[in-house]
Amino acid sequence: MSGMRVLDIDERGRLLTAVAEGDQVRLAEIDAKGVRGDLTVASGITTAKYLPGERKVVVQHGEPAQLSLLTVGGKLAPLLGSPTHSTELLGVLPGRIVYRANRRHRLLYSVVIRNVLVGEEQAVYDRGGAVIEAAVSPNSRHIAIRLPRKLLLVDTMPVTEDDHVRLISPEPAERGRRNLRWLPDSGRLVATEYTESTARIVRFDVASESWHPLVVSLDQSTTGWVAPDGRRVAVAAGPRIAFHRAEDGAFLREAELPGDIAPDAFLWSPDSSRVALTTTLGQLAVVEADTAAVHPILVN
């Protein structure tokens, strides 16, 4: 279906998709056989994610942005939001969400982890700045936070208060390191680093506080994401997606799609077996990581 985009994929390979219908956006779920089931329609839906291991979806919508919770088969229910400030989804964890909010000023964001069931919250970063991206490590010990001109490391269990927020690296405003993801050991961070002419996949080691190149000399249009199990990195540019070994960056295999992969429109399945993506023509596909086999999603 033209104009459809994939927002998430769950542990059973079901795709969470969105398609614009005038000023409304329709969320739908597509199973492995291409059978589509509509979930909800709302105005201004910008992103949505499955809660890991649950049949629930966290939806960001409206202006200013707010968050709602959708149980598959049920109705959209308010979760967080205010008419006076934005509440924007940064990520999901089992039973929890990570969000940013600018309660004090439109450019002063806090990063908060919230337990969806009981409503308990932990403000992990409240020093302001326009938070662009945040990635929480699997053990919740570290949070990498990208601001316009610097990349920070938040330690939720610091030895001293001075260790709570540390500078990882200064960053250029328009480029630098993006697409932050932690490896399963929670001590290494993978990112895509952009320069004026090229891109590369790099890894940061918390213990040594040092960066290491993994996949180099990539086109500047490249987007890269490490798999949840930390074994492989998927690198997309134009119509091609390539898989590399995350430990040393070695090339494994690649696939070619019928159209260019839309910017930031591909994501790993929770079991790291496949990548779901959207092309710039609105086509959906799943690519197997072990074989690079491409499976177009034909919606019924």
C-alpha atoms as a PDB file:
ATOM      1  CA  MET A   1       0.000   0.000   0.000  1.00  0.00           C
ATOM      2  CA  SER A   2       1.536   3.299  -1.103  1.00  0.00           C
ATOM      3  CA  GLY A   3       2.451   5.676   1.711  1.00  0.00           C
ATOM      4  CA  MET A   4       2.630   2.964   4.370  1.00  0.00           C
ATOM      5  CA  ARG A   5       5.650   2.901   6.685  1.00  0.00           C
ATOM      6  CA  VAL A   6       6.812   0.350   9.204  1.00  0.00           C
ATOM      7  CA  LEU A   7       7.211   1.646  12.768  1.00  0.00           C
ATOM      8  CA  ASP A   8       8.100  -1.521  14.680  1.00  0.00           C
ATOM      9  CA  ILE A   9       8.318  -5.310  14.555  1.00  0.00           C
ATOM     10  CA  ASP A  10       7.523  -7.651  17.452  1.00  0.00           C
ATOM     11  CA  GLU A  11       8.979 -10.984  18.567  1.00  0.00           C
ATOM     12  CA  ARG A  12       6.548 -12.924  16.322  1.00  0.00           C
ATOM     13  CA  GLY A  13       7.396 -10.912  13.211  1.00  0.00           C
ATOM     14  CA  ARG A  14       4.229  -8.800  13.215  1.00  0.00           C
ATOM     15  CA  LEU A  15       4.725  -5.353  11.694  1.00  0.00           C
ATOM     16  CA  LEU A  16       3.334  -2.185  13.237  1.00  0.00           C
ATOM     17  CA  THR A  17       2.585   0.199  10.378  1.00  0.00           C
ATOM     18  CA  ALA A  18       1.202   3.674   9.779  1.00  0.00           C
ATOM     19  CA  VAL A  19      -0.457   5.263   6.754  1.00  0.00           C
ATOM     20  CA  ALA A  20      -1.615   8.865   6.421  1.00  0.00           C
ATOM     21  CA  GLU A  21      -5.267   9.506   5.573  1.00  0.00           C
ATOM     22  CA  GLY A  22      -5.667  13.259   5.228  1.00  0.00           C
ATOM     23  CA  ASP A  23      -4.961  14.818   8.627  1.00  0.00           C
ATOM     24  CA  GLN A  24      -5.375  11.432  10.317  1.00  0.00           C
ATOM     25  CA  VAL A  25      -2.960   8.496  10.608  1.00  0.00           C
ATOM     26  CA  ARG A  26      -4.127   4.893  10.699  1.00  0.00           C
ATOM     27  CA  LEU A  27      -2.126   2.360  12.728  1.00  0.00           C
ATOM     28  CA  ALA A  28      -2.351  -1.241  11.581  1.00  0.00           C
ATOM     29  CA  GLU A  29      -0.688  -4.563  12.295  1.00  0.00           C
ATOM     30  CA  ILE A  30       0.431  -6.927   9.528  1.00  0.00           C
ATOM     31  CA  ASP A  31       1.200 -10.577  10.294  1.00  0.00           C
ATOM     32  CA  ALA A  32       3.732 -12.830   8.559  1.00  0.00           C
ATOM     33  CA  LYS A  33       1.130 -13.817   5.919  1.00  0.00           C
ATOM     34  CA  GLY A  34       0.400 -10.205   5.009  1.00  0.00           C
ATOM     35  CA  VAL A  35      -2.965 -10.096   6.759  1.00  0.00           C
ATOM     36  CA  ARG A  36      -3.666  -6.573   7.988  1.00  0.00           C
ATOM     37  CA  GLY A  37      -5.652  -5.662  11.079  1.00  0.00           C
ATOM     38  CA  ASP A  38      -6.470  -2.017  11.802  1.00  0.00           C
ATOM     39  CA  LEU A  39      -5.644  -0.836  15.330  1.00  0.00           C
ATOM     40  CA  THR A  40      -6.632   2.828  15.642  1.00  0.00           C
ATOM     41  CA  VAL A  41      -6.900   6.171  13.849  1.00  0.00           C
ATOM     42  CA  ALA A  42      -5.654   9.418  15.395  1.00  0.00           C
ATOM     43  CA  SER A  43      -4.375  12.823  14.312  1.00  0.00           C
ATOM     44  CA  GLY A  44      -0.677  13.606  14.267  1.00  0.00           C
ATOM     45  CA  ILE A  45       0.742  10.144  14.975  1.00  0.00           C
ATOM     46  CA  THR A  46       4.506  10.487  14.576  1.00  0.00           C
ATOM     47  CA  THR A  47       5.775   7.222  16.045  1.00  0.00           C
ATOM     48  CA  ALA A  48       4.617   4.094  17.857  1.00  0.00           C
ATOM     49  CA  LYS A  49       6.388   1.136  19.482  1.00  0.00           C
ATOM     50  CA  TYR A  50       5.383  -2.226  20.879  1.00  0.00           C
ATOM     51  CA  LEU A  51       6.037  -2.710  24.583  1.00  0.00           C
ATOM     52  CA  PRO A  52       8.479  -5.658  24.530  1.00  0.00           C
ATOM     53  CA  GLY A  53       6.766  -8.982  25.191  1.00  0.00           C
ATOM     54  CA  GLU A  54       3.279  -7.443  25.454  1.00  0.00           C
ATOM     55  CA  ARG A  55       0.340  -6.889  23.127  1.00  0.00           C
ATOM     56  CA  LYS A  56       0.465  -3.174  23.841  1.00  0.00           C
ATOM     57  CA  VAL A  57       1.613  -0.221  21.750  1.00  0.00           C
ATOM     58  CA  VAL A  58       2.881   3.167  22.943  1.00  0.00           C
ATOM     59  CA  VAL A  59       1.749   5.886  20.524  1.00  0.00           C
ATOM     60  CA  GLN A  60       3.076   9.445  20.173  1.00  0.00           C
ATOM     61  CA  HIS A  61       0.558  11.832  18.635  1.00  0.00           C
ATOM     62  CA  GLY A  62      -0.891  15.339  18.702  1.00  0.00           C
ATOM     63  CA  GLU A  63       0.537  18.838  19.068  1.00  0.00           C
ATOM     64  CA  PRO A  64       2.072  19.340  21.545  1.00  0.00           C
ATOM     65  CA  ALA A  65       3.104  15.693  21.484  1.00  0.00           C
ATOM     66  CA  GLN A  66       1.520  13.329  23.987  1.00  0.00           C
ATOM     67  CA  LEU A  67       1.742   9.588  24.639  1.00  0.00           C
ATOM     68  CA  SER A  68      -1.103   7.090  24.702  1.00  0.00           C
ATOM     69  CA  LEU A  69      -1.257   3.351  25.320  1.00  0.00           C
ATOM     70  CA  LEU A  70      -3.078   1.025  22.951  1.00  0.00           C
ATOM     71  CA  THR A  71      -3.865  -2.559  23.859  1.00  0.00           C
ATOM     72  CA  VAL A  72      -4.193  -4.539  20.620  1.00  0.00           C
ATOM     73  CA  GLY A  73      -7.914  -5.077  20.139  1.00  0.00           C
ATOM     74  CA  GLY A  74      -8.752  -2.204  22.510  1.00  0.00           C
ATOM     75  CA  LYS A  75      -8.950   1.566  22.453  1.00  0.00           C
ATOM     76  CA  LEU A  76      -6.335   4.302  22.670  1.00  0.00           C
ATOM     77  CA  ALA A  77      -5.964   5.431  26.313  1.00  0.00           C
ATOM     78  CA  PRO A  78      -4.062   8.535  27.521  1.00  0.00           C
ATOM     79  CA  LEU A  79      -0.720   7.764  29.160  1.00  0.00           C
ATOM     80  CA  LEU A  80       1.231  11.037  29.417  1.00  0.00           C
ATOM     81  CA  GLY A  81       0.861  14.539  28.092  1.00  0.00           C
ATOM     82  CA  SER A  82       0.033  18.164  28.713  1.00  0.00           C
ATOM     83  CA  PRO A  83      -1.296  21.070  26.625  1.00  0.00           C
ATOM     84  CA  THR A  84       1.634  23.176  27.880  1.00  0.00           C
ATOM     85  CA  HIS A  85       4.631  21.039  26.799  1.00  0.00           C
ATOM     86  CA  SER A  86       5.727  18.173  24.565  1.00  0.00           C
ATOM     87  CA  THR A  87       6.081  14.583  25.749  1.00  0.00           C
ATOM     88  CA  GLU A  88       7.999  12.548  23.162  1.00  0.00           C
ATOM     89  CA  LEU A  89       8.863   8.859  23.016  1.00  0.00           C
ATOM     90  CA  LEU A  90      12.584   8.016  22.896  1.00  0.00           C
ATOM     91  CA  GLY A  91      12.472   4.253  23.420  1.00  0.00           C
ATOM     92  CA  VAL A  92      10.833   1.272  25.078  1.00  0.00           C
ATOM     93  CA  LEU A  93      12.043  -1.291  27.616  1.00  0.00           C
ATOM     94  CA  PRO A  94      10.210  -4.288  29.100  1.00  0.00           C
ATOM     95  CA  GLY A  95       7.311  -2.706  31.030  1.00  0.00           C
ATOM     96  CA  ARG A  96       8.808   0.783  30.704  1.00  0.00           C
ATOM     97  CA  ILE A  97       9.119   3.701  28.325  1.00  0.00           C
ATOM     98  CA  VAL A  98      11.843   6.303  27.870  1.00  0.00           C
ATOM     99  CA  TYR A  99      10.599   9.783  27.005  1.00  0.00           C
ATOM    100  CA  ARG A 100      11.716  13.393  26.857  1.00  0.00           C
ATOM    101  CA  ALA A 101       9.667  16.357  28.089  1.00  0.00           C
ATOM    102  CA  ASN A 102      10.263  20.117  28.021  1.00  0.00           C
ATOM    103  CA  ARG A 103       8.207  21.141  31.047  1.00  0.00           C
ATOM    104  CA  ARG A 104      10.425  24.103  31.986  1.00  0.00           C
ATOM    105  CA  HIS A 105      11.206  25.577  28.550  1.00  0.00           C
ATOM    106  CA  ARG A 106      10.721  24.481  24.956  1.00  0.00           C
ATOM    107  CA  LEU A 107      14.487  23.860  24.541  1.00  0.00           C
ATOM    108  CA  LEU A 108      15.184  22.414  27.998  1.00  0.00           C
ATOM    109  CA  TYR A 109      14.411  18.708  27.972  1.00  0.00           C
ATOM    110  CA  SER A 110      14.479  16.096  30.690  1.00  0.00           C
ATOM    111  CA  VAL A 111      14.846  12.357  29.997  1.00  0.00           C
ATOM    112  CA  VAL A 112      12.603  10.112  32.084  1.00  0.00           C
ATOM    113  CA  ILE A 113      12.089   6.347  32.435  1.00  0.00           C
ATOM    114  CA  ARG A 114       8.499   5.467  33.399  1.00  0.00           C
ATOM    115  CA  ASN A 115       7.004   2.177  34.577  1.00  0.00           C
ATOM    116  CA  VAL A 116       3.866   1.864  32.466  1.00  0.00           C
ATOM    117  CA  LEU A 117       1.933  -0.332  34.909  1.00  0.00           C
ATOM    118  CA  VAL A 118       2.439   1.555  38.188  1.00  0.00           C
ATOM    119  CA  GLY A 119       3.395   5.000  36.873  1.00  0.00           C
ATOM    120  CA  GLU A 120       6.670   5.219  38.820  1.00  0.00           C
ATOM    121  CA  GLU A 121       9.214   7.499  37.156  1.00  0.00           C
ATOM    122  CA  GLN A 122      12.953   8.120  37.295  1.00  0.00           C
ATOM    123  CA  ALA A 123      14.343  11.337  35.831  1.00  0.00           C
ATOM    124  CA  VAL A 124      17.704  10.124  34.541  1.00  0.00           C
ATOM    125  CA  TYR A 125      18.716  13.445  32.982  1.00  0.00           C
ATOM    126  CA  ASP A 126      17.412  16.898  33.912  1.00  0.00           C
ATOM    127  CA  ARG A 127      20.194  19.288  32.910  1.00  0.00           C
ATOM    128  CA  GLY A 128      18.367  20.693  29.903  1.00  0.00           C
ATOM    129  CA  GLY A 129      19.373  21.070  26.293  1.00  0.00           C
ATOM    130  CA  ALA A 130      17.601  19.921  23.143  1.00  0.00           C
ATOM    131  CA  VAL A 131      17.837  16.156  23.624  1.00  0.00           C
ATOM    132  CA  ILE A 132      17.938  14.630  20.129  1.00  0.00           C
ATOM    133  CA  GLU A 133      18.386  10.974  20.991  1.00  0.00           C
ATOM    134  CA  ALA A 134      18.784   8.724  24.027  1.00  0.00           C
ATOM    135  CA  ALA A 135      19.721   5.046  24.351  1.00  0.00           C
ATOM    136  CA  VAL A 136      19.402   3.060  27.597  1.00  0.00           C
ATOM    137  CA  SER A 137      21.740   0.113  28.160  1.00  0.00           C
ATOM    138  CA  PRO A 138      20.132  -3.333  28.679  1.00  0.00           C
ATOM    139  CA  ASN A 139      20.924  -3.287  32.411  1.00  0.00           C
ATOM    140  CA  SER A 140      19.678   0.354  32.704  1.00  0.00           C
ATOM    141  CA  ARG A 141      23.044   1.393  34.170  1.00  0.00           C
ATOM    142  CA  HIS A 142      24.014   3.767  31.352  1.00  0.00           C
ATOM    143  CA  ILE A 143      22.108   6.189  29.125  1.00  0.00           C
ATOM    144  CA  ALA A 144      23.784   7.760  26.109  1.00  0.00           C
ATOM    145  CA  ILE A 145      22.240  11.152  25.310  1.00  0.00           C
ATOM    146  CA  ARG A 146      22.869  13.096  22.117  1.00  0.00           C
ATOM    147  CA  LEU A 147      22.545  16.888  22.360  1.00  0.00           C
ATOM    148  CA  PRO A 148      23.137  19.223  19.391  1.00  0.00           C
ATOM    149  CA  ARG A 149      26.847  19.671  20.138  1.00  0.00           C
ATOM    150  CA  LYS A 150      27.812  16.891  22.534  1.00  0.00           C
ATOM    151  CA  LEU A 151      27.263  13.258  23.425  1.00  0.00           C
ATOM    152  CA  LEU A 152      26.794  12.513  27.125  1.00  0.00           C
ATOM    153  CA  LEU A 153      26.983   9.401  29.282  1.00  0.00           C
ATOM    154  CA  VAL A 154      24.581   9.216  32.213  1.00  0.00           C
ATOM    155  CA  ASP A 155      25.476   6.720  34.950  1.00  0.00           C
ATOM    156  CA  THR A 156      22.419   5.801  37.040  1.00  0.00           C
ATOM    157  CA  MET A 157      24.635   4.246  39.759  1.00  0.00           C
ATOM    158  CA  PRO A 158      27.597   6.635  39.991  1.00  0.00           C
ATOM    159  CA  VAL A 159      30.389   6.260  42.520  1.00  0.00           C
ATOM    160  CA  THR A 160      30.308  10.033  43.052  1.00  0.00           C
ATOM    161  CA  GLU A 161      27.936  12.768  41.904  1.00  0.00           C
ATOM    162  CA  ASP A 162      30.622  13.954  39.475  1.00  0.00           C
ATOM    163  CA  ASP A 163      30.323  10.600  37.686  1.00  0.00           C
ATOM    164  CA  HIS A 164      26.562  10.948  37.158  1.00  0.00           C
ATOM    165  CA  VAL A 165      26.839  12.822  33.845  1.00  0.00           C
ATOM    166  CA  ARG A 166      30.035  12.701  31.826  1.00  0.00           C
ATOM    167  CA  LEU A 167      31.032  13.988  28.404  1.00  0.00           C
ATOM    168  CA  ILE A 168      31.672  11.223  25.893  1.00  0.00           C
ATOM    169  CA  SER A 169      32.623  13.550  23.053  1.00  0.00           C
ATOM    170  CA  PRO A 170      31.937  16.977  21.562  1.00  0.00           C
ATOM    171  CA  GLU A 171      29.859  16.704  18.374  1.00  0.00           C
ATOM    172  CA  PRO A 172      29.234  18.887  15.309  1.00  0.00           C
ATOM    173  CA  ALA A 173      25.720  20.282  15.182  1.00  0.00           C
ATOM    174  CA  GLU A 174      24.682  18.805  11.822  1.00  0.00           C
ATOM    175  CA  ARG A 175      26.678  15.563  11.744  1.00  0.00           C
ATOM    176  CA  GLY A 176      28.606  13.520  14.292  1.00  0.00           C
ATOM    177  CA  ARG A 177      27.461  10.309  15.962  1.00  0.00           C
ATOM    178  CA  ARG A 178      23.833   9.188  15.690  1.00  0.00           C
ATOM    179  CA  ASN A 179      21.744   5.978  15.775  1.00  0.00           C
ATOM    180  CA  LEU A 180      22.905   5.082  19.272  1.00  0.00           C
ATOM    181  CA  ARG A 181      22.480   1.472  20.446  1.00  0.00           C
ATOM    182  CA  TRP A 182      24.054  -0.477  23.303  1.00  0.00           C
ATOM    183  CA  LEU A 183      25.528  -3.944  22.979  1.00  0.00           C
ATOM    184  CA  PRO A 184      24.132  -6.627  25.351  1.00  0.00           C
ATOM    185  CA  ASP A 185      27.062  -6.267  27.764  1.00  0.00           C
ATOM    186  CA  SER A 186      25.891  -2.681  28.551  1.00  0.00           C
ATOM    187  CA  GLY A 187      29.505  -1.524  28.397  1.00  0.00           C
ATOM    188  CA  ARG A 188      29.814  -0.782  24.674  1.00  0.00           C
ATOM    189  CA  LEU A 189      27.847   1.649  22.516  1.00  0.00           C
ATOM    190  CA  VAL A 190      27.514   1.461  18.712  1.00  0.00           C
ATOM    191  CA  ALA A 191      26.776   4.526  16.566  1.00  0.00           C
ATOM    192  CA  THR A 192      26.851   5.812  12.997  1.00  0.00           C
ATOM    193  CA  GLU A 193      29.385   8.644  12.678  1.00  0.00           C
ATOM    194  CA  TYR A 194      28.863  11.220   9.928  1.00  0.00           C
ATOM    195  CA  THR A 195      31.517  13.564   8.523  1.00  0.00           C
ATOM    196  CA  GLU A 196      31.252  16.127   5.728  1.00  0.00           C
ATOM    197  CA  SER A 197      31.770  13.478   3.030  1.00  0.00           C
ATOM    198  CA  THR A 198      31.559   9.953   4.495  1.00  0.00           C
ATOM    199  CA  ALA A 199      30.072   7.835   7.264  1.00  0.00           C
ATOM    200  CA  ARG A 200      31.283   4.923   9.358  1.00  0.00           C
ATOM    201  CA  ILE A 201      30.063   2.614  12.112  1.00  0.00           C
ATOM    202  CA  VAL A 202      31.942   3.072  15.394  1.00  0.00           C
ATOM    203  CA  ARG A 203      31.934   1.595  18.908  1.00  0.00           C
ATOM    204  CA  PHE A 204      32.506   3.339  22.234  1.00  0.00           C
ATOM    205  CA  ASP A 205      33.934   1.369  25.178  1.00  0.00           C
ATOM    206  CA  VAL A 206      32.808   2.781  28.518  1.00  0.00           C
ATOM    207  CA  ALA A 207      35.689   1.225  30.495  1.00  0.00           C
ATOM    208  CA  SER A 208      38.461   2.699  28.323  1.00  0.00           C
ATOM    209  CA  GLU A 209      36.433   5.789  27.281  1.00  0.00           C
ATOM    210  CA  SER A 210      37.587   5.290  23.695  1.00  0.00           C
ATOM    211  CA  TRP A 211      36.055   5.027  20.203  1.00  0.00           C
ATOM    212  CA  HIS A 212      36.902   2.227  17.756  1.00  0.00           C
ATOM    213  CA  PRO A 213      35.994   2.015  14.034  1.00  0.00           C
ATOM    214  CA  LEU A 214      34.003  -1.021  12.861  1.00  0.00           C
ATOM    215  CA  VAL A 215      32.770  -0.379   9.301  1.00  0.00           C
ATOM    216  CA  VAL A 216      34.495   2.462   7.453  1.00  0.00           C
ATOM    217  CA  SER A 217      34.365   4.412   4.162  1.00  0.00           C
ATOM    218  CA  LEU A 218      30.593   4.376   3.842  1.00  0.00           C
ATOM    219  CA  ASP A 219      28.424   6.725   1.807  1.00  0.00           C
ATOM    220  CA  GLN A 220      27.187   9.773   3.712  1.00  0.00           C
ATOM    221  CA  SER A 221      23.575   8.615   3.191  1.00  0.00           C
ATOM    222  CA  THR A 222      24.244   5.420   5.157  1.00  0.00           C
ATOM    223  CA  THR A 223      22.188   4.465   8.194  1.00  0.00           C
ATOM    224  CA  GLY A 224      23.432   1.716  10.500  1.00  0.00           C
ATOM    225  CA  TRP A 225      21.854  -0.145  13.429  1.00  0.00           C
ATOM    226  CA  VAL A 226      23.335  -2.891  15.588  1.00  0.00           C
ATOM    227  CA  ALA A 227      21.165  -5.964  16.251  1.00  0.00           C
ATOM    228  CA  PRO A 228      19.702  -6.460  19.754  1.00  0.00           C
ATOM    229  CA  ASP A 229      21.873  -9.555  20.321  1.00  0.00           C
ATOM    230  CA  GLY A 230      24.986  -7.566  19.383  1.00  0.00           C
ATOM    231  CA  ARG A 231      26.194 -10.005  16.720  1.00  0.00           C
ATOM    232  CA  ARG A 232      25.599  -8.004  13.545  1.00  0.00           C
ATOM    233  CA  VAL A 233      25.247  -4.482  12.220  1.00  0.00           C
ATOM    234  CA  ALA A 234      22.807  -3.705   9.394  1.00  0.00           C
ATOM    235  CA  VAL A 235      23.985  -0.900   7.099  1.00  0.00           C
ATOM    236  CA  ALA A 236      21.565   0.644   4.588  1.00  0.00           C
ATOM    237  CA  ALA A 237      22.294   3.046   1.716  1.00  0.00           C
ATOM    238  CA  GLY A 238      20.158   3.539  -1.388  1.00  0.00           C
ATOM    239  CA  PRO A 239      18.465   0.248  -2.312  1.00  0.00           C
ATOM    240  CA  ARG A 240      21.065  -1.930  -0.587  1.00  0.00           C
ATOM    241  CA  ILE A 241      21.276  -3.305   2.929  1.00  0.00           C
ATOM    242  CA  ALA A 242      24.470  -5.026   4.090  1.00  0.00           C
ATOM    243  CA  PHE A 243      25.185  -7.100   7.182  1.00  0.00           C
ATOM    244  CA  HIS A 244      28.498  -6.879   9.017  1.00  0.00           C
ATOM    245  CA  ARG A 245      29.890  -8.659  12.051  1.00  0.00           C
ATOM    246  CA  ALA A 246      29.600  -6.318  15.033  1.00  0.00           C
ATOM    247  CA  GLU A 247      32.766  -7.515  16.739  1.00  0.00           C
ATOM    248  CA  ASP A 248      35.166  -6.483  13.967  1.00  0.00           C
ATOM    249  CA  GLY A 249      33.048  -4.997  11.159  1.00  0.00           C
ATOM    250  CA  ALA A 250      33.702  -7.853   8.710  1.00  0.00           C
ATOM    251  CA  PHE A 251      31.312  -7.950   5.732  1.00  0.00           C
ATOM    252  CA  LEU A 252      28.900 -10.883   5.770  1.00  0.00           C
ATOM    253  CA  ARG A 253      26.288 -10.468   3.014  1.00  0.00           C
ATOM    254  CA  GLU A 254      23.989  -7.924   1.372  1.00  0.00           C
ATOM    255  CA  ALA A 255      20.620  -7.618  -0.345  1.00  0.00           C
ATOM    256  CA  GLU A 256      19.159  -5.238  -2.901  1.00  0.00           C
ATOM    257  CA  LEU A 257      15.623  -3.881  -2.548  1.00  0.00           C
ATOM    258  CA  PRO A 258      13.245  -2.788  -5.338  1.00  0.00           C
ATOM    259  CA  GLY A 259      13.604   0.836  -4.237  1.00  0.00           C
ATOM    260  CA  ASP A 260      15.744   3.061  -2.025  1.00  0.00           C
ATOM    261  CA  ILE A 261      15.363   2.420   1.689  1.00  0.00           C
ATOM    262  CA  ALA A 262      13.645   5.377   3.335  1.00  0.00           C
ATOM    263  CA  PRO A 263      15.809   7.340   5.810  1.00  0.00           C
ATOM    264  CA  ASP A 264      15.686   5.818   9.304  1.00  0.00           C
ATOM    265  CA  ALA A 265      12.987   3.411   8.102  1.00  0.00           C
ATOM    266  CA  PHE A 266      14.490   0.041   8.953  1.00  0.00           C
ATOM    267  CA  LEU A 267      14.692  -1.796  12.262  1.00  0.00           C
ATOM    268  CA  TRP A 268      15.754  -5.120  13.726  1.00  0.00           C
ATOM    269  CA  SER A 269      13.355  -7.729  15.038  1.00  0.00           C
ATOM    270  CA  PRO A 270      13.696  -8.409  18.793  1.00  0.00           C
ATOM    271  CA  ASP A 271      15.315 -11.818  18.122  1.00  0.00           C
ATOM    272  CA  SER A 272      17.860 -10.263  15.699  1.00  0.00           C
ATOM    273  CA  SER A 273      16.878 -12.679  12.913  1.00  0.00           C
ATOM    274  CA  ARG A 274      15.572 -10.132  10.396  1.00  0.00           C
ATOM    275  CA  VAL A 275      15.232  -6.477   9.472  1.00  0.00           C
ATOM    276  CA  ALA A 276      11.933  -4.804   8.565  1.00  0.00           C
ATOM    277  CA  LEU A 277      12.066  -1.770   6.296  1.00  0.00           C
ATOM    278  CA  THR A 278      10.164   0.706   4.142  1.00  0.00           C
ATOM    279  CA  THR A 279      11.289   1.961   0.730  1.00  0.00           C
ATOM    280  CA  THR A 280      10.826   5.526  -0.456  1.00  0.00           C
ATOM    281  CA  LEU A 281       7.943   4.226  -2.609  1.00  0.00           C
ATOM    282  CA  GLY A 282       6.092   3.015   0.480  1.00  0.00           C
ATOM    283  CA  GLN A 283       6.883  -0.673  -0.083  1.00  0.00           C
ATOM    284  CA  LEU A 284       7.397  -2.900   2.958  1.00  0.00           C
ATOM    285  CA  ALA A 285       9.876  -5.779   3.115  1.00  0.00           C
ATOM    286  CA  VAL A 286      11.607  -8.090   5.565  1.00  0.00           C
ATOM    287  CA  VAL A 287      15.242  -9.145   5.024  1.00  0.00           C
ATOM    288  CA  GLU A 288      16.634 -12.298   6.681  1.00  0.00           C
ATOM    289  CA  ALA A 289      19.932 -11.592   8.436  1.00  0.00           C
ATOM    290  CA  ASP A 290      21.339 -15.133   7.967  1.00  0.00           C
ATOM    291  CA  THR A 291      20.747 -15.303   4.203  1.00  0.00           C
ATOM    292  CA  ALA A 292      19.934 -11.746   3.031  1.00  0.00           C
ATOM    293  CA  ALA A 293      16.746 -13.168   1.474  1.00  0.00           C
ATOM    294  CA  VAL A 294      14.194 -10.410   0.776  1.00  0.00           C
ATOM    295  CA  HIS A 295      10.508 -11.000   1.496  1.00  0.00           C
ATOM    296  CA  PRO A 296       8.238  -8.233   0.115  1.00  0.00           C
ATOM    297  CA  ILE A 297       5.167  -7.701   2.309  1.00  0.00           C
ATOM    298  CA  LEU A 298       2.043  -7.927   0.161  1.00  0.00           C
ATOM    299  CA  VAL A 299      -0.808  -6.621   2.283  1.00  0.00           C
ATOM    300  CA  ASN A 300      -4.107  -8.502   2.085  1.00  0.00           C
END
